[in-house]
Amino acid sequence: MSLILTIFLYILFGFLSGILGGLGMGGGTLLIPLLSIFLNVDQKLCQGLNLLSFLVMALFSLIIHYKNGYIALDGLWPIVLSGLIFTVIGALLAGKLPSEILRMAFGIFLCLLAILEFYRVGKEYFKSKKKNKDKEKHSKNKTK
């Protein structure tokens, strides 16, 4: 792959993960697979790049969200403290596991998220269809 194309892909992937990160959806969920699949970057290196880019993106996103009043401090400390503890455990575990296992685990995680999201959206869709059908039936009964 040419150097210009590689640089372009890094910029494109940064743009895409930045958009998702700015929206609060976790740009790393996209950045890690993009780097590993399209640029053949080692999984551990992808995770490191993601963490570094996340720090910068999170700082700017946090400032903007705070200014817009979207930051709630209720329940913050239990989340932060447990997140810190399990981040250390996860980082130690990631350091011990081979990249292939991490890559496969991340892929399984993304597949499970997709299945759960399809289930949730499908459930809401059919629930709204049933609700609309019931409304229709109810309005027809009123006109009789």
Protein backbone atom coordinates (compact mmCIF):
# COMPACT_ATOMS: atom_id res chain seq x y z
CA MET A 1 0.00 0.00 0.00
CA SER A 2 1.37 3.41 -0.89
CA LEU A 3 2.36 5.92 1.77
CA ILE A 4 -0.22 8.46 0.55
CA LEU A 5 -3.04 5.91 0.75
CA THR A 6 -1.90 4.82 4.22
CA ILE A 7 -1.86 8.43 5.46
CA PHE A 8 -5.27 9.03 3.88
CA LEU A 9 -6.69 5.96 5.65
CA TYR A 10 -5.26 7.07 9.01
CA ILE A 11 -6.91 10.47 8.54
CA LEU A 12 -10.20 8.91 7.40
CA PHE A 13 -10.23 6.47 10.33
CA GLY A 14 -9.41 9.31 12.72
CA PHE A 15 -12.28 11.32 11.27
CA LEU A 16 -14.76 8.45 11.62
CA SER A 17 -13.71 7.50 15.15
CA GLY A 18 -13.65 11.18 16.12
CA ILE A 19 -17.25 11.62 14.98
CA LEU A 20 -18.36 8.57 16.97
CA GLY A 21 -16.25 9.56 19.96
CA GLY A 22 -17.66 13.10 19.89
CA LEU A 23 -21.16 11.68 19.85
CA GLY A 24 -20.27 9.65 22.95
CA MET A 25 -20.54 6.30 21.20
CA GLY A 26 -16.96 5.15 21.55
CA GLY A 27 -14.82 5.78 18.50
CA GLY A 28 -12.57 2.86 19.43
CA THR A 29 -15.34 0.44 18.60
CA LEU A 30 -14.78 1.51 15.02
CA LEU A 31 -11.12 2.54 15.09
CA ILE A 32 -9.72 -0.78 16.32
CA PRO A 33 -11.32 -2.95 13.61
CA LEU A 34 -10.51 -0.39 10.89
CA LEU A 35 -6.83 -0.28 11.84
CA SER A 36 -6.49 -4.03 12.22
CA ILE A 37 -8.47 -5.01 9.11
CA PHE A 38 -7.49 -2.36 6.57
CA LEU A 39 -4.00 -1.38 7.74
CA ASN A 40 -3.03 -4.74 9.26
CA VAL A 41 -1.97 -3.09 12.55
CA ASP A 42 -1.36 -5.51 15.44
CA GLN A 43 -4.32 -5.71 17.87
CA LYS A 44 -2.29 -4.54 20.88
CA LEU A 45 -0.94 -1.59 18.92
CA CYS A 46 -4.51 -0.77 17.76
CA GLN A 47 -5.64 -0.70 21.38
CA GLY A 48 -2.75 1.57 22.33
CA LEU A 49 -3.41 3.95 19.45
CA ASN A 50 -7.09 3.96 20.38
CA LEU A 51 -6.32 4.83 24.00
CA LEU A 52 -4.02 7.70 23.06
CA SER A 53 -6.44 9.15 20.52
CA PHE A 54 -9.30 8.64 22.97
CA LEU A 55 -7.59 10.80 25.61
CA VAL A 56 -7.45 13.78 23.27
CA MET A 57 -10.93 13.24 21.82
CA ALA A 58 -12.47 12.69 25.26
CA LEU A 59 -10.96 15.91 26.62
CA PHE A 60 -12.47 18.04 23.87
CA SER A 61 -15.79 16.16 23.93
CA LEU A 62 -15.99 16.54 27.69
CA ILE A 63 -15.48 20.29 27.51
CA ILE A 64 -18.16 20.69 24.83
CA HIS A 65 -20.65 18.39 26.56
CA TYR A 66 -20.05 20.18 29.87
CA LYS A 67 -20.66 23.60 28.28
CA ASN A 68 -23.90 22.27 26.75
CA GLY A 69 -25.05 20.98 30.13
CA TYR A 70 -24.88 17.29 29.18
CA ILE A 71 -22.67 16.19 32.05
CA ALA A 72 -24.46 14.71 35.08
CA LEU A 73 -22.31 14.22 38.14
CA ASP A 74 -24.84 12.01 39.94
CA GLY A 75 -23.42 8.51 40.23
CA LEU A 76 -20.10 9.56 38.73
CA TRP A 77 -17.74 8.31 41.44
CA PRO A 78 -18.92 4.68 41.60
CA ILE A 79 -18.57 4.47 37.80
CA VAL A 80 -15.13 6.15 37.78
CA LEU A 81 -13.72 4.11 40.68
CA SER A 82 -14.94 0.75 39.40
CA GLY A 83 -13.84 1.75 35.89
CA LEU A 84 -10.34 2.55 37.14
CA ILE A 85 -10.03 -0.73 39.04
CA PHE A 86 -11.19 -2.84 36.11
CA THR A 87 -9.14 -0.81 33.63
CA VAL A 88 -5.99 -1.86 35.48
CA ILE A 89 -7.16 -5.49 35.51
CA GLY A 90 -8.08 -5.34 31.80
CA ALA A 91 -4.77 -3.72 30.83
CA LEU A 92 -2.80 -6.35 32.75
CA LEU A 93 -4.85 -9.11 31.12
CA ALA A 94 -4.44 -7.57 27.64
CA GLY A 95 -0.67 -7.48 28.19
CA LYS A 96 -0.63 -11.22 28.89
CA LEU A 97 -2.92 -12.41 26.09
CA PRO A 98 -1.77 -12.93 22.50
CA SER A 99 -3.03 -10.41 19.92
CA GLU A 100 -4.98 -13.14 18.10
CA ILE A 101 -7.05 -13.88 21.22
CA LEU A 102 -7.67 -10.16 21.82
CA ARG A 103 -8.72 -9.70 18.21
CA MET A 104 -11.10 -12.66 18.36
CA ALA A 105 -12.54 -11.51 21.73
CA PHE A 106 -13.10 -8.01 20.36
CA GLY A 107 -14.81 -9.45 17.28
CA ILE A 108 -17.09 -11.61 19.44
CA PHE A 109 -17.87 -8.58 21.60
CA LEU A 110 -18.86 -6.53 18.53
CA CYS A 111 -21.01 -9.39 17.18
CA LEU A 112 -22.80 -9.72 20.52
CA LEU A 113 -23.42 -5.96 20.58
CA ALA A 114 -24.84 -6.12 17.06
CA ILE A 115 -27.15 -9.03 17.96
CA LEU A 116 -28.38 -7.25 21.09
CA GLU A 117 -28.98 -4.04 19.15
CA PHE A 118 -30.89 -5.87 16.39
CA TYR A 119 -32.99 -7.57 19.07
CA ARG A 120 -33.72 -4.29 20.87
CA VAL A 121 -34.59 -2.39 17.69
CA GLY A 122 -36.69 -5.27 16.37
CA LYS A 123 -38.57 -5.52 19.65
CA GLU A 124 -39.31 -1.77 19.59
CA TYR A 125 -40.34 -1.94 15.93
CA PHE A 126 -42.84 -4.75 16.43
CA LYS A 127 -44.11 -3.15 19.61
CA SER A 128 -44.83 0.11 17.75
CA LYS A 129 -46.46 -1.81 14.87
CA LYS A 130 -48.75 -3.57 17.34
CA LYS A 131 -49.53 -0.28 19.05
CA ASN A 132 -50.42 1.35 15.71
CA LYS A 133 -52.58 -1.63 14.77
CA ASP A 134 -54.40 -1.41 18.11
CA LYS A 135 -54.97 2.34 17.61
CA GLU A 136 -56.30 1.68 14.13
CA LYS A 137 -58.64 -1.00 15.42
CA HIS A 138 -59.79 1.27 18.25
CA SER A 139 -60.49 4.21 15.89
CA LYS A 140 -62.46 1.93 13.53
CA ASN A 141 -64.60 0.76 16.47
CA LYS A 142 -65.33 4.37 17.46
CA THR A 143 -66.56 5.29 13.97
CA LYS A 144 -69.06 2.38 13.90
